[in-house]
Structures are given as structure tokens and as C-alpha cells.
Amino acid sequence: MRAIYFPSKDRTETGEIPDPVAGPGEVVIAVRASGICHTDIEVRRGNYGSSAFPIVPGHEYAGEIVETGAGVEGLRIGDRVVVDPNIECGTCAPCRRGWAHLCERLGAYGVTVNGGFAEKSVVRAAAAHPIGDMSYGMAALAEPVGCVLNGLSPLKGRIIDRALIFGAGPMGLLMGLTLKAQGIAEVVAVDRNEARLGMASAFGITGHMAGAPQLAGLHQSFDLAVDATGVPEVASSLLDYTANGGAALFFGVCPQEAHIGISPFEVFRRQLSLLGTHSLNHNIPRALETIRAIGPRIGTVVTHSLPMEEVAAILAGHPPADSMKVQMVLG
């Protein structure tokens, strides 16, 4: 079969690799849609360990089951499914607490074992979730929406009337759409890109350009302030916009070596909550429910649906101008 793969650090190739075979408890999926995530770029850079090479990237993908292994129940050939990529050990302390995404030996399809930028992919049957008649492109958004839901999970039970999101890229917009779907009255996005803010506005999300004078009037006025940029300077400003008793969520992926300054007295005096979340925690079914609640408009977050060769070029460092979510589409 044809696949995009990283043979070694900083290299991208497209070519023939052996077809996967379903072992006991596994299924083979013919991939129909597979989205690019910044994690794929980090995998290529070797930031998830050189031992993973060679690797087929891609952890946001959906397709059709074409083979089932021994012992698989509840799934059959022809089923349309989306993949939950995380692979946990099941025995470490976080796993025993139900925190699979914090597993001490966490792996993932497309990160530590071959993933979805190929014509076919073999996964554990438990990782394949039926999508019904949902389009493959929409279903492939379940992984990032799952990350959004996990990001919002520490806020359960809080009163949130106003939310501010720095960054109107794919993850920021999916965060905004999810908050709107959950009934948050006012969601505001800040970005440097007018086109992205225009897309946010079409979703009912108020948009402000970064550095705009209007931001001064938003001082300490949001129950939830989110960084979805991964820019340390932006992350360091969250408390300026968080209301007393509110929460600041570090959702974007800042560089590992980055540090920001926070006043512990301010956190104490204003009773602030500082939150960080990682990945998704086997919540793909909830993500699919959220996608259905948002409706077909969520599909506009995908600005480029491309063949394998063009996706390979993007993974090699050549993203299209003004792109949001990019997906490889096959079949």
C-alpha cells in the first residue's frame, strides 16, 4: 500500500510499504480522511523519540473496516469508524485512575506506531468507533474535539458565562464551537489573522485583532481565559483577562523550555484556577456527539482536502497559505 512515512528525523517520503494485517482483537481500516496536527510535525522533528522511526504519522483519521482479526466482536467489515489514537499500558497509576492520556508509557497511532497517513491502518478493535452516516471528514475531527472536551473537563460544575480564547486556528475555533454548543453565552476570540476572525464571527464568536484597543476593556472580565496559541507571551497574559474566581486554561502547546511569570499572591487573592490538560481521554463517543450538536458547519474548519502527495509536501514543511485544518482524503 502507499503511505506517507518518516524514515528518520526531518525526512518525509511517500511510497509503498507492506499492507497491515489484523491480529487477534484488531481491525484493518481503509483510511478515507486523515487530518494534519502540529503533533505530526513534532514527530517528524524527533521530539517524541527517535526510536519511533520509521513511522507512518497521522492520528486524526476515519475510514472503513476492511478486515477483522480473531475475537473481534461488535465490528464488522464495511463499518464506518473513527480511531481513538491513544494506546495506554493499563497498569500504571494514572491508568488505574482512569487517566489513560497520562499513562506513564503512553503511545499513540501515528506517534509511536503507524497511523493514518496511509491507505490502510491496523488498530485495536477497541480504538475503532462507529460514526454512522457522518462524513469521514467530519468524523476525522473527533480526535481534536476530544482534546477540546478533555481541556474543558476540569471546569465541570463551574459557572461560565464569558469565555476568551487566544488563537482562532483550528483548535481555537473548535474550542469556541464546543463552548457555544455547551451553551456558553459569550465566546470571544483573539487572533492576528483577519480571515480566521471572520470565520469565528460566522460561528457566532466575537473576534478581536491581537493588540486591538478593545482588549483593554476586557481586563479581568472572563470566567474562562484560554491560550490556544502555544506562544509563551500570550500564555503569560491570561490572568490579565481572567475574572476573580475564574480559570485560566493552558491549552496550546508551548515550547518545553518556556517559562512564564505568575504572581502566587494574585492567584491566592483572586482565587484563580490555573489549568492544563493534555490530549484526549477515550472520549471519542462524546466528541462525535459534540460534532453532531455543532452540525455541518464544523466542516468549514477543514479548508484543504488533499491527496496523499500534497499532504506529504505539507508535512515536509510547505503548508498552504491561510490554511486551517488540512486533511488527506482517499477513496
C-alpha atoms as a PDB file:
ATOM      1  CA  MET A   1       0.000   0.000   0.000  1.00  0.00           C
ATOM      2  CA  ARG A   2       1.011   3.626  -0.394  1.00  0.00           C
ATOM      3  CA  ALA A   3       1.805   5.684   2.663  1.00  0.00           C
ATOM      4  CA  ILE A   4       3.473   8.827   3.910  1.00  0.00           C
ATOM      5  CA  TYR A   5       6.222   7.934   6.334  1.00  0.00           C
ATOM      6  CA  PHE A   6       9.098   9.488   8.214  1.00  0.00           C
ATOM      7  CA  PRO A   7      12.111   7.173   7.670  1.00  0.00           C
ATOM      8  CA  SER A   8      14.210   9.207  10.098  1.00  0.00           C
ATOM      9  CA  LYS A   9      14.327  12.590  11.760  1.00  0.00           C
ATOM     10  CA  ASP A  10      13.403  15.528   9.484  1.00  0.00           C
ATOM     11  CA  ARG A  11      12.672  13.312   6.465  1.00  0.00           C
ATOM     12  CA  THR A  12       9.354  12.704   4.695  1.00  0.00           C
ATOM     13  CA  GLU A  13       8.762  10.120   1.972  1.00  0.00           C
ATOM     14  CA  THR A  14       5.803   8.702   0.086  1.00  0.00           C
ATOM     15  CA  GLY A  15       5.952   5.152  -1.199  1.00  0.00           C
ATOM     16  CA  GLU A  16       4.963   1.523  -0.905  1.00  0.00           C
ATOM     17  CA  ILE A  17       5.046  -0.241   2.447  1.00  0.00           C
ATOM     18  CA  PRO A  18       3.610  -3.665   3.406  1.00  0.00           C
ATOM     19  CA  ASP A  19      -0.138  -3.910   3.903  1.00  0.00           C
ATOM     20  CA  PRO A  20      -1.122  -4.229   7.575  1.00  0.00           C
ATOM     21  CA  VAL A  21      -2.725  -7.474   8.771  1.00  0.00           C
ATOM     22  CA  ALA A  22      -5.305  -7.718  11.542  1.00  0.00           C
ATOM     23  CA  GLY A  23      -4.086  -9.743  14.514  1.00  0.00           C
ATOM     24  CA  PRO A  24      -6.293 -11.010  17.331  1.00  0.00           C
ATOM     25  CA  GLY A  25      -8.526  -8.210  18.612  1.00  0.00           C
ATOM     26  CA  GLU A  26      -7.548  -5.886  15.757  1.00  0.00           C
ATOM     27  CA  VAL A  27      -9.153  -4.423  12.652  1.00  0.00           C
ATOM     28  CA  VAL A  28      -7.719  -3.031   9.434  1.00  0.00           C
ATOM     29  CA  ILE A  29      -9.193   0.268   8.289  1.00  0.00           C
ATOM     30  CA  ALA A  30      -9.128   1.646   4.754  1.00  0.00           C
ATOM     31  CA  VAL A  31      -8.366   5.288   5.524  1.00  0.00           C
ATOM     32  CA  ARG A  32     -10.727   7.843   3.962  1.00  0.00           C
ATOM     33  CA  ALA A  33      -9.795  11.070   5.787  1.00  0.00           C
ATOM     34  CA  SER A  34      -6.775  11.898   7.944  1.00  0.00           C
ATOM     35  CA  GLY A  35      -6.024  15.310   9.421  1.00  0.00           C
ATOM     36  CA  ILE A  36      -2.709  17.073   9.978  1.00  0.00           C
ATOM     37  CA  CYS A  37      -1.902  18.127  13.546  1.00  0.00           C
ATOM     38  CA  HIS A  38       1.108  20.020  14.850  1.00  0.00           C
ATOM     39  CA  THR A  39       1.998  16.810  16.675  1.00  0.00           C
ATOM     40  CA  ASP A  40       2.825  15.275  13.272  1.00  0.00           C
ATOM     41  CA  ILE A  41       5.425  17.991  12.754  1.00  0.00           C
ATOM     42  CA  GLU A  42       6.886  17.325  16.203  1.00  0.00           C
ATOM     43  CA  VAL A  43       7.054  13.597  15.420  1.00  0.00           C
ATOM     44  CA  ARG A  44       8.999  14.408  12.243  1.00  0.00           C
ATOM     45  CA  ARG A  45      11.371  16.565  14.268  1.00  0.00           C
ATOM     46  CA  GLY A  46      12.090  13.640  16.567  1.00  0.00           C
ATOM     47  CA  ASN A  47      10.544  15.274  19.625  1.00  0.00           C
ATOM     48  CA  TYR A  48       8.696  12.079  20.536  1.00  0.00           C
ATOM     49  CA  GLY A  49      11.822   9.945  20.497  1.00  0.00           C
ATOM     50  CA  SER A  50      13.999   8.713  17.648  1.00  0.00           C
ATOM     51  CA  SER A  51      13.098   5.082  18.414  1.00  0.00           C
ATOM     52  CA  ALA A  52       9.733   5.569  16.679  1.00  0.00           C
ATOM     53  CA  PHE A  53      11.337   5.870  13.219  1.00  0.00           C
ATOM     54  CA  PRO A  54      10.403   4.769  10.650  1.00  0.00           C
ATOM     55  CA  ILE A  55       6.814   5.835  11.371  1.00  0.00           C
ATOM     56  CA  VAL A  56       3.628   6.492   9.422  1.00  0.00           C
ATOM     57  CA  PRO A  57       2.216   9.653  11.057  1.00  0.00           C
ATOM     58  CA  GLY A  58      -1.418  10.658  11.412  1.00  0.00           C
ATOM     59  CA  HIS A  59      -3.617  10.291  14.488  1.00  0.00           C
ATOM     60  CA  GLU A  60      -6.806  12.078  13.352  1.00  0.00           C
ATOM     61  CA  TYR A  61      -8.385   9.624  10.951  1.00  0.00           C
ATOM     62  CA  ALA A  62     -11.524   7.809   9.903  1.00  0.00           C
ATOM     63  CA  GLY A  63     -12.289   5.097   7.378  1.00  0.00           C
ATOM     64  CA  GLU A  64     -13.942   1.790   6.595  1.00  0.00           C
ATOM     65  CA  ILE A  65     -13.152  -1.566   8.197  1.00  0.00           C
ATOM     66  CA  VAL A  66     -11.863  -3.989   5.554  1.00  0.00           C
ATOM     67  CA  GLU A  67     -10.541  -6.792   7.773  1.00  0.00           C
ATOM     68  CA  THR A  68     -11.225  -8.090  11.281  1.00  0.00           C
ATOM     69  CA  GLY A  69      -8.981 -10.274  13.405  1.00  0.00           C
ATOM     70  CA  ALA A  70      -9.846 -13.191  15.622  1.00  0.00           C
ATOM     71  CA  GLY A  71     -12.001 -12.400  18.616  1.00  0.00           C
ATOM     72  CA  VAL A  72     -13.339  -9.073  17.354  1.00  0.00           C
ATOM     73  CA  GLU A  73     -16.939  -8.525  18.381  1.00  0.00           C
ATOM     74  CA  GLY A  74     -19.318  -5.653  17.645  1.00  0.00           C
ATOM     75  CA  LEU A  75     -17.478  -4.574  14.499  1.00  0.00           C
ATOM     76  CA  ARG A  76     -17.614  -5.995  11.007  1.00  0.00           C
ATOM     77  CA  ILE A  77     -16.259  -5.407   7.518  1.00  0.00           C
ATOM     78  CA  GLY A  78     -17.880  -2.353   5.966  1.00  0.00           C
ATOM     79  CA  ASP A  79     -18.363  -0.456   9.229  1.00  0.00           C
ATOM     80  CA  ARG A  80     -17.523   3.247   9.024  1.00  0.00           C
ATOM     81  CA  VAL A  81     -15.361   4.199  12.015  1.00  0.00           C
ATOM     82  CA  VAL A  82     -13.062   6.806  13.523  1.00  0.00           C
ATOM     83  CA  VAL A  83      -9.930   5.982  15.503  1.00  0.00           C
ATOM     84  CA  ASP A  84      -9.115   6.841  19.125  1.00  0.00           C
ATOM     85  CA  PRO A  85      -5.319   7.044  18.798  1.00  0.00           C
ATOM     86  CA  ASN A  86      -4.088   6.766  22.382  1.00  0.00           C
ATOM     87  CA  ILE A  87      -2.537   3.472  23.487  1.00  0.00           C
ATOM     88  CA  GLU A  88      -2.099   3.137  27.243  1.00  0.00           C
ATOM     89  CA  CYS A  89      -0.455   0.407  29.318  1.00  0.00           C
ATOM     90  CA  GLY A  90      -3.493  -0.065  31.565  1.00  0.00           C
ATOM     91  CA  THR A  91      -1.421  -0.856  34.661  1.00  0.00           C
ATOM     92  CA  CYS A  92       0.398   2.317  35.799  1.00  0.00           C
ATOM     93  CA  ALA A  93      -1.047   4.599  38.487  1.00  0.00           C
ATOM     94  CA  PRO A  94      -2.668   7.100  36.068  1.00  0.00           C
ATOM     95  CA  CYS A  95      -4.229   4.274  34.064  1.00  0.00           C
ATOM     96  CA  ARG A  96      -5.667   2.738  37.233  1.00  0.00           C
ATOM     97  CA  ARG A  97      -7.270   6.111  37.964  1.00  0.00           C
ATOM     98  CA  GLY A  98      -8.839   6.254  34.518  1.00  0.00           C
ATOM     99  CA  TRP A  99      -6.326   8.758  33.156  1.00  0.00           C
ATOM    100  CA  ALA A 100      -5.240   6.834  30.072  1.00  0.00           C
ATOM    101  CA  HIS A 101      -3.949  10.035  28.441  1.00  0.00           C
ATOM    102  CA  LEU A 102      -1.485  10.465  31.323  1.00  0.00           C
ATOM    103  CA  CYS A 103      -0.169   6.914  31.064  1.00  0.00           C
ATOM    104  CA  GLU A 104       3.474   6.628  32.065  1.00  0.00           C
ATOM    105  CA  ARG A 105       4.121   4.652  28.869  1.00  0.00           C
ATOM    106  CA  LEU A 106       1.629   6.401  26.604  1.00  0.00           C
ATOM    107  CA  GLY A 107       1.780   5.573  22.902  1.00  0.00           C
ATOM    108  CA  ALA A 108      -0.431   6.529  20.008  1.00  0.00           C
ATOM    109  CA  TYR A 109      -1.235   5.566  16.451  1.00  0.00           C
ATOM    110  CA  GLY A 110       0.713   7.929  14.239  1.00  0.00           C
ATOM    111  CA  VAL A 111       3.130   8.850  17.030  1.00  0.00           C
ATOM    112  CA  THR A 112       4.739   5.661  18.331  1.00  0.00           C
ATOM    113  CA  VAL A 113       3.185   3.118  15.922  1.00  0.00           C
ATOM    114  CA  ASN A 114       1.998   3.510  12.341  1.00  0.00           C
ATOM    115  CA  GLY A 115      -1.039   5.748  11.915  1.00  0.00           C
ATOM    116  CA  GLY A 116      -3.441   7.223   9.415  1.00  0.00           C
ATOM    117  CA  PHE A 117      -1.436   8.798   6.583  1.00  0.00           C
ATOM    118  CA  ALA A 118      -1.632   5.573   4.614  1.00  0.00           C
ATOM    119  CA  GLU A 119      -4.139   3.697   2.510  1.00  0.00           C
ATOM    120  CA  LYS A 120      -4.709   1.284   5.398  1.00  0.00           C
ATOM    121  CA  SER A 121      -4.128   1.178   9.144  1.00  0.00           C
ATOM    122  CA  VAL A 122      -4.359  -1.628  11.702  1.00  0.00           C
ATOM    123  CA  VAL A 123      -5.694  -0.690  15.156  1.00  0.00           C
ATOM    124  CA  ARG A 124      -7.096  -2.347  18.246  1.00  0.00           C
ATOM    125  CA  ALA A 125     -10.797  -3.010  17.782  1.00  0.00           C
ATOM    126  CA  ALA A 126     -11.482  -1.029  20.960  1.00  0.00           C
ATOM    127  CA  ALA A 127      -9.969   2.026  19.266  1.00  0.00           C
ATOM    128  CA  ALA A 128     -12.460   1.978  16.361  1.00  0.00           C
ATOM    129  CA  HIS A 129     -15.719   3.842  16.991  1.00  0.00           C
ATOM    130  CA  PRO A 130     -18.683   3.682  14.595  1.00  0.00           C
ATOM    131  CA  ILE A 131     -19.661   7.007  13.009  1.00  0.00           C
ATOM    132  CA  GLY A 132     -22.930   6.065  11.306  1.00  0.00           C
ATOM    133  CA  ASP A 133     -23.602   8.275   8.308  1.00  0.00           C
ATOM    134  CA  MET A 134     -21.328  11.113   9.434  1.00  0.00           C
ATOM    135  CA  SER A 135     -18.916  12.153   6.692  1.00  0.00           C
ATOM    136  CA  TYR A 136     -15.369  10.873   7.066  1.00  0.00           C
ATOM    137  CA  GLY A 137     -14.036  14.435   7.038  1.00  0.00           C
ATOM    138  CA  MET A 138     -16.231  15.464   9.962  1.00  0.00           C
ATOM    139  CA  ALA A 139     -15.504  12.230  11.826  1.00  0.00           C
ATOM    140  CA  ALA A 140     -11.757  12.828  11.498  1.00  0.00           C
ATOM    141  CA  LEU A 141     -12.298  15.944  13.650  1.00  0.00           C
ATOM    142  CA  ALA A 142     -13.300  13.723  16.594  1.00  0.00           C
ATOM    143  CA  GLU A 143      -9.735  13.471  17.909  1.00  0.00           C
ATOM    144  CA  PRO A 144      -9.162  17.252  18.147  1.00  0.00           C
ATOM    145  CA  VAL A 145     -12.680  17.756  19.520  1.00  0.00           C
ATOM    146  CA  GLY A 146     -11.868  15.047  22.075  1.00  0.00           C
ATOM    147  CA  CYS A 147      -8.840  17.111  23.092  1.00  0.00           C
ATOM    148  CA  VAL A 148     -11.091  20.154  23.481  1.00  0.00           C
ATOM    149  CA  LEU A 149     -13.520  18.196  25.669  1.00  0.00           C
ATOM    150  CA  ASN A 150     -10.677  16.947  27.829  1.00  0.00           C
ATOM    151  CA  GLY A 151      -9.448  20.535  28.069  1.00  0.00           C
ATOM    152  CA  LEU A 152     -12.810  21.655  29.375  1.00  0.00           C
ATOM    153  CA  SER A 153     -13.286  18.677  31.719  1.00  0.00           C
ATOM    154  CA  PRO A 154     -11.734  20.346  34.826  1.00  0.00           C
ATOM    155  CA  LEU A 155     -14.363  23.095  34.511  1.00  0.00           C
ATOM    156  CA  LYS A 156     -17.288  20.781  35.224  1.00  0.00           C
ATOM    157  CA  GLY A 157     -19.662  22.410  37.699  1.00  0.00           C
ATOM    158  CA  ARG A 158     -18.292  25.924  37.216  1.00  0.00           C
ATOM    159  CA  ILE A 159     -20.444  28.875  36.173  1.00  0.00           C
ATOM    160  CA  ILE A 160     -19.052  30.181  32.898  1.00  0.00           C
ATOM    161  CA  ASP A 161     -20.906  32.996  31.173  1.00  0.00           C
ATOM    162  CA  ARG A 162     -17.991  34.545  29.285  1.00  0.00           C
ATOM    163  CA  ALA A 163     -15.012  32.819  27.696  1.00  0.00           C
ATOM    164  CA  LEU A 164     -11.982  34.276  25.917  1.00  0.00           C
ATOM    165  CA  ILE A 165      -9.784  32.264  23.553  1.00  0.00           C
ATOM    166  CA  PHE A 166      -6.424  33.477  22.329  1.00  0.00           C
ATOM    167  CA  GLY A 167      -5.891  31.869  18.938  1.00  0.00           C
ATOM    168  CA  ALA A 168      -8.512  31.306  16.233  1.00  0.00           C
ATOM    169  CA  GLY A 169      -6.690  28.494  14.476  1.00  0.00           C
ATOM    170  CA  PRO A 170      -8.276  25.052  14.140  1.00  0.00           C
ATOM    171  CA  MET A 171      -8.032  24.179  17.834  1.00  0.00           C
ATOM    172  CA  GLY A 172      -9.124  27.622  18.993  1.00  0.00           C
ATOM    173  CA  LEU A 173     -12.160  27.554  16.717  1.00  0.00           C
ATOM    174  CA  LEU A 174     -13.061  24.004  17.752  1.00  0.00           C
ATOM    175  CA  MET A 175     -12.790  25.166  21.368  1.00  0.00           C
ATOM    176  CA  GLY A 176     -15.087  28.099  20.607  1.00  0.00           C
ATOM    177  CA  LEU A 177     -17.613  25.952  18.759  1.00  0.00           C
ATOM    178  CA  THR A 178     -17.662  23.436  21.603  1.00  0.00           C
ATOM    179  CA  LEU A 179     -18.208  26.159  24.193  1.00  0.00           C
ATOM    180  CA  LYS A 180     -21.070  27.568  22.121  1.00  0.00           C
ATOM    181  CA  ALA A 181     -22.559  24.078  21.807  1.00  0.00           C
ATOM    182  CA  GLN A 182     -22.388  23.793  25.597  1.00  0.00           C
ATOM    183  CA  GLY A 183     -24.460  26.947  25.958  1.00  0.00           C
ATOM    184  CA  ILE A 184     -21.783  29.486  26.906  1.00  0.00           C
ATOM    185  CA  ALA A 185     -23.435  32.854  26.330  1.00  0.00           C
ATOM    186  CA  GLU A 186     -20.414  34.842  25.115  1.00  0.00           C
ATOM    187  CA  VAL A 187     -17.290  33.499  23.442  1.00  0.00           C
ATOM    188  CA  VAL A 188     -14.566  35.880  22.257  1.00  0.00           C
ATOM    189  CA  ALA A 189     -11.562  35.010  20.099  1.00  0.00           C
ATOM    190  CA  VAL A 190      -8.336  36.972  19.641  1.00  0.00           C
ATOM    191  CA  ASP A 191      -6.013  36.405  16.692  1.00  0.00           C
ATOM    192  CA  ARG A 192      -3.661  38.201  14.290  1.00  0.00           C
ATOM    193  CA  ASN A 193      -5.380  36.787  11.207  1.00  0.00           C
ATOM    194  CA  GLU A 194      -8.443  38.648   9.906  1.00  0.00           C
ATOM    195  CA  ALA A 195      -9.650  35.677   7.848  1.00  0.00           C
ATOM    196  CA  ARG A 196      -9.654  33.435  10.916  1.00  0.00           C
ATOM    197  CA  LEU A 197     -11.535  36.044  12.912  1.00  0.00           C
ATOM    198  CA  GLY A 198     -14.030  36.290  10.051  1.00  0.00           C
ATOM    199  CA  MET A 199     -14.590  32.541  10.268  1.00  0.00           C
ATOM    200  CA  ALA A 200     -15.042  32.840  14.030  1.00  0.00           C
ATOM    201  CA  SER A 201     -17.616  35.588  13.509  1.00  0.00           C
ATOM    202  CA  ALA A 202     -19.565  33.341  11.138  1.00  0.00           C
ATOM    203  CA  PHE A 203     -19.797  30.850  14.014  1.00  0.00           C
ATOM    204  CA  GLY A 204     -21.197  33.481  16.387  1.00  0.00           C
ATOM    205  CA  ILE A 205     -17.850  34.054  18.108  1.00  0.00           C
ATOM    206  CA  THR A 206     -16.854  37.692  18.660  1.00  0.00           C
ATOM    207  CA  GLY A 207     -13.443  38.399  17.168  1.00  0.00           C
ATOM    208  CA  HIS A 208     -10.753  40.934  18.089  1.00  0.00           C
ATOM    209  CA  MET A 209      -7.414  41.518  16.435  1.00  0.00           C
ATOM    210  CA  ALA A 210      -4.431  40.967  18.710  1.00  0.00           C
ATOM    211  CA  GLY A 211      -3.367  44.307  20.144  1.00  0.00           C
ATOM    212  CA  ALA A 212      -6.700  45.984  19.343  1.00  0.00           C
ATOM    213  CA  PRO A 213      -7.774  48.810  21.681  1.00  0.00           C
ATOM    214  CA  GLN A 214     -10.935  46.869  22.603  1.00  0.00           C
ATOM    215  CA  LEU A 215      -8.824  44.372  24.550  1.00  0.00           C
ATOM    216  CA  ALA A 216      -8.088  46.975  27.211  1.00  0.00           C
ATOM    217  CA  GLY A 217     -11.767  46.992  28.128  1.00  0.00           C
ATOM    218  CA  LEU A 218     -11.754  43.222  28.695  1.00  0.00           C
ATOM    219  CA  HIS A 219      -9.433  43.354  31.707  1.00  0.00           C
ATOM    220  CA  GLN A 220     -10.267  40.622  34.261  1.00  0.00           C
ATOM    221  CA  SER A 221     -13.727  40.063  32.813  1.00  0.00           C
ATOM    222  CA  PHE A 222     -13.826  36.416  31.670  1.00  0.00           C
ATOM    223  CA  ASP A 223     -14.811  33.370  33.699  1.00  0.00           C
ATOM    224  CA  LEU A 224     -12.516  31.357  31.423  1.00  0.00           C
ATOM    225  CA  ALA A 225      -9.429  32.558  29.548  1.00  0.00           C
ATOM    226  CA  VAL A 226      -7.771  30.072  27.202  1.00  0.00           C
ATOM    227  CA  ASP A 227      -4.434  30.089  25.430  1.00  0.00           C
ATOM    228  CA  ALA A 228      -4.771  28.119  22.187  1.00  0.00           C
ATOM    229  CA  THR A 229      -1.643  29.578  20.591  1.00  0.00           C
ATOM    230  CA  GLY A 230       1.224  27.903  22.416  1.00  0.00           C
ATOM    231  CA  VAL A 231       3.011  31.268  22.472  1.00  0.00           C
ATOM    232  CA  PRO A 232       4.534  31.875  25.932  1.00  0.00           C
ATOM    233  CA  GLU A 233       3.973  35.638  25.749  1.00  0.00           C
ATOM    234  CA  VAL A 234       0.284  35.018  25.139  1.00  0.00           C
ATOM    235  CA  ALA A 235       0.049  32.390  27.873  1.00  0.00           C
ATOM    236  CA  SER A 236       1.611  34.815  30.327  1.00  0.00           C
ATOM    237  CA  SER A 237      -1.223  37.312  29.739  1.00  0.00           C
ATOM    238  CA  LEU A 238      -4.127  35.003  30.620  1.00  0.00           C
ATOM    239  CA  LEU A 239      -4.520  36.234  34.194  1.00  0.00           C
ATOM    240  CA  ASP A 240      -4.945  39.792  32.905  1.00  0.00           C
ATOM    241  CA  TYR A 241      -8.247  38.705  31.370  1.00  0.00           C
ATOM    242  CA  THR A 242      -9.431  36.193  33.970  1.00  0.00           C
ATOM    243  CA  ALA A 243     -12.154  37.411  36.322  1.00  0.00           C
ATOM    244  CA  ASN A 244     -11.942  36.918  40.076  1.00  0.00           C
ATOM    245  CA  GLY A 245     -12.765  33.288  40.821  1.00  0.00           C
ATOM    246  CA  GLY A 246     -12.173  32.375  37.179  1.00  0.00           C
ATOM    247  CA  ALA A 247      -9.948  29.872  35.418  1.00  0.00           C
ATOM    248  CA  ALA A 248      -7.004  30.183  33.046  1.00  0.00           C
ATOM    249  CA  LEU A 249      -6.516  27.199  30.739  1.00  0.00           C
ATOM    250  CA  PHE A 250      -3.122  26.490  29.157  1.00  0.00           C
ATOM    251  CA  PHE A 251      -4.401  24.551  26.136  1.00  0.00           C
ATOM    252  CA  GLY A 252      -1.885  25.490  23.434  1.00  0.00           C
ATOM    253  CA  VAL A 253       1.422  23.623  23.389  1.00  0.00           C
ATOM    254  CA  CYS A 254       4.182  25.982  24.467  1.00  0.00           C
ATOM    255  CA  PRO A 255       7.844  25.028  23.953  1.00  0.00           C
ATOM    256  CA  GLN A 256       9.040  22.650  26.662  1.00  0.00           C
ATOM    257  CA  GLU A 257      11.788  25.037  27.739  1.00  0.00           C
ATOM    258  CA  ALA A 258       9.453  28.069  28.044  1.00  0.00           C
ATOM    259  CA  HIS A 259       8.682  29.670  31.412  1.00  0.00           C
ATOM    260  CA  ILE A 260       6.263  32.457  32.330  1.00  0.00           C
ATOM    261  CA  GLY A 261       5.930  34.625  35.427  1.00  0.00           C
ATOM    262  CA  ILE A 262       2.826  34.313  37.636  1.00  0.00           C
ATOM    263  CA  SER A 263       2.170  36.040  40.950  1.00  0.00           C
ATOM    264  CA  PRO A 264       1.157  33.444  43.562  1.00  0.00           C
ATOM    265  CA  PHE A 265      -0.361  36.260  45.638  1.00  0.00           C
ATOM    266  CA  GLU A 266      -2.637  37.196  42.741  1.00  0.00           C
ATOM    267  CA  VAL A 267      -3.717  33.571  42.336  1.00  0.00           C
ATOM    268  CA  PHE A 268      -4.418  33.436  46.084  1.00  0.00           C
ATOM    269  CA  ARG A 269      -6.124  36.812  46.451  1.00  0.00           C
ATOM    270  CA  ARG A 270      -8.317  36.489  43.368  1.00  0.00           C
ATOM    271  CA  GLN A 271      -8.976  32.766  43.914  1.00  0.00           C
ATOM    272  CA  LEU A 272      -7.878  31.829  40.408  1.00  0.00           C
ATOM    273  CA  SER A 273      -7.564  28.334  38.964  1.00  0.00           C
ATOM    274  CA  LEU A 274      -4.663  27.541  36.649  1.00  0.00           C
ATOM    275  CA  LEU A 275      -5.426  24.534  34.470  1.00  0.00           C
ATOM    276  CA  GLY A 276      -3.527  22.498  31.930  1.00  0.00           C
ATOM    277  CA  THR A 277      -4.754  19.465  30.016  1.00  0.00           C
ATOM    278  CA  HIS A 278      -3.164  17.005  27.656  1.00  0.00           C
ATOM    279  CA  SER A 279      -4.580  15.057  24.717  1.00  0.00           C
ATOM    280  CA  LEU A 280      -7.928  13.234  24.940  1.00  0.00           C
ATOM    281  CA  ASN A 281      -9.045  10.537  27.355  1.00  0.00           C
ATOM    282  CA  HIS A 282     -11.043   7.910  25.455  1.00  0.00           C
ATOM    283  CA  ASN A 283     -13.869  10.389  24.895  1.00  0.00           C
ATOM    284  CA  ILE A 284     -14.365   9.868  21.154  1.00  0.00           C
ATOM    285  CA  PRO A 285     -18.068   8.971  21.595  1.00  0.00           C
ATOM    286  CA  ARG A 286     -18.653  12.314  23.356  1.00  0.00           C
ATOM    287  CA  ALA A 287     -16.657  14.063  20.656  1.00  0.00           C
ATOM    288  CA  LEU A 288     -18.907  12.557  17.978  1.00  0.00           C
ATOM    289  CA  GLU A 289     -21.956  13.741  19.940  1.00  0.00           C
ATOM    290  CA  THR A 290     -20.450  17.232  20.108  1.00  0.00           C
ATOM    291  CA  ILE A 291     -19.751  17.256  16.368  1.00  0.00           C
ATOM    292  CA  ARG A 292     -23.367  16.303  15.700  1.00  0.00           C
ATOM    293  CA  ALA A 293     -24.555  19.041  18.075  1.00  0.00           C
ATOM    294  CA  ILE A 294     -22.443  21.655  16.283  1.00  0.00           C
ATOM    295  CA  GLY A 295     -23.672  20.420  12.924  1.00  0.00           C
ATOM    296  CA  PRO A 296     -22.285  20.508   9.382  1.00  0.00           C
ATOM    297  CA  ARG A 297     -20.799  23.987   9.825  1.00  0.00           C
ATOM    298  CA  ILE A 298     -17.934  22.390  11.770  1.00  0.00           C
ATOM    299  CA  GLY A 299     -16.739  21.064   8.418  1.00  0.00           C
ATOM    300  CA  THR A 300     -15.730  24.572   7.340  1.00  0.00           C
ATOM    301  CA  VAL A 301     -12.781  24.315   9.748  1.00  0.00           C
ATOM    302  CA  VAL A 302     -11.315  21.952   7.134  1.00  0.00           C
ATOM    303  CA  THR A 303     -10.034  24.337   4.472  1.00  0.00           C
ATOM    304  CA  HIS A 304      -7.956  21.850   2.451  1.00  0.00           C
ATOM    305  CA  SER A 305      -8.858  18.277   1.450  1.00  0.00           C
ATOM    306  CA  LEU A 306      -5.867  16.972  -0.472  1.00  0.00           C
ATOM    307  CA  PRO A 307      -4.390  13.809  -1.978  1.00  0.00           C
ATOM    308  CA  MET A 308      -1.537  11.964  -0.311  1.00  0.00           C
ATOM    309  CA  GLU A 309       1.290  13.545  -2.280  1.00  0.00           C
ATOM    310  CA  GLU A 310       0.215  17.098  -1.448  1.00  0.00           C
ATOM    311  CA  VAL A 311      -0.176  16.242   2.234  1.00  0.00           C
ATOM    312  CA  ALA A 312       3.344  14.787   2.199  1.00  0.00           C
ATOM    313  CA  ALA A 313       4.651  18.096   0.900  1.00  0.00           C
ATOM    314  CA  ILE A 314       2.895  19.939   3.738  1.00  0.00           C
ATOM    315  CA  LEU A 315       4.362  17.565   6.313  1.00  0.00           C
ATOM    316  CA  ALA A 316       7.774  18.262   4.770  1.00  0.00           C
ATOM    317  CA  GLY A 317       7.319  21.919   5.692  1.00  0.00           C
ATOM    318  CA  HIS A 318       5.250  23.539   2.970  1.00  0.00           C
ATOM    319  CA  PRO A 319       1.798  24.436   4.401  1.00  0.00           C
ATOM    320  CA  PRO A 320      -0.682  26.175   2.091  1.00  0.00           C
ATOM    321  CA  ALA A 321      -1.292  29.853   2.743  1.00  0.00           C
ATOM    322  CA  ASP A 322      -4.200  30.727   5.043  1.00  0.00           C
ATOM    323  CA  SER A 323      -4.921  27.087   5.808  1.00  0.00           C
ATOM    324  CA  MET A 324      -6.843  25.866   8.826  1.00  0.00           C
ATOM    325  CA  LYS A 325      -7.344  22.138   9.238  1.00  0.00           C
ATOM    326  CA  VAL A 326      -5.783  20.153   6.370  1.00  0.00           C
ATOM    327  CA  GLN A 327      -6.911  16.596   5.661  1.00  0.00           C
ATOM    328  CA  MET A 328      -5.694  13.847   3.381  1.00  0.00           C
ATOM    329  CA  VAL A 329      -8.650  12.374   1.513  1.00  0.00           C
ATOM    330  CA  LEU A 330      -8.591   8.927  -0.111  1.00  0.00           C
ATOM    331  CA  GLY A 331     -11.224   6.858  -1.891  1.00  0.00           C
END
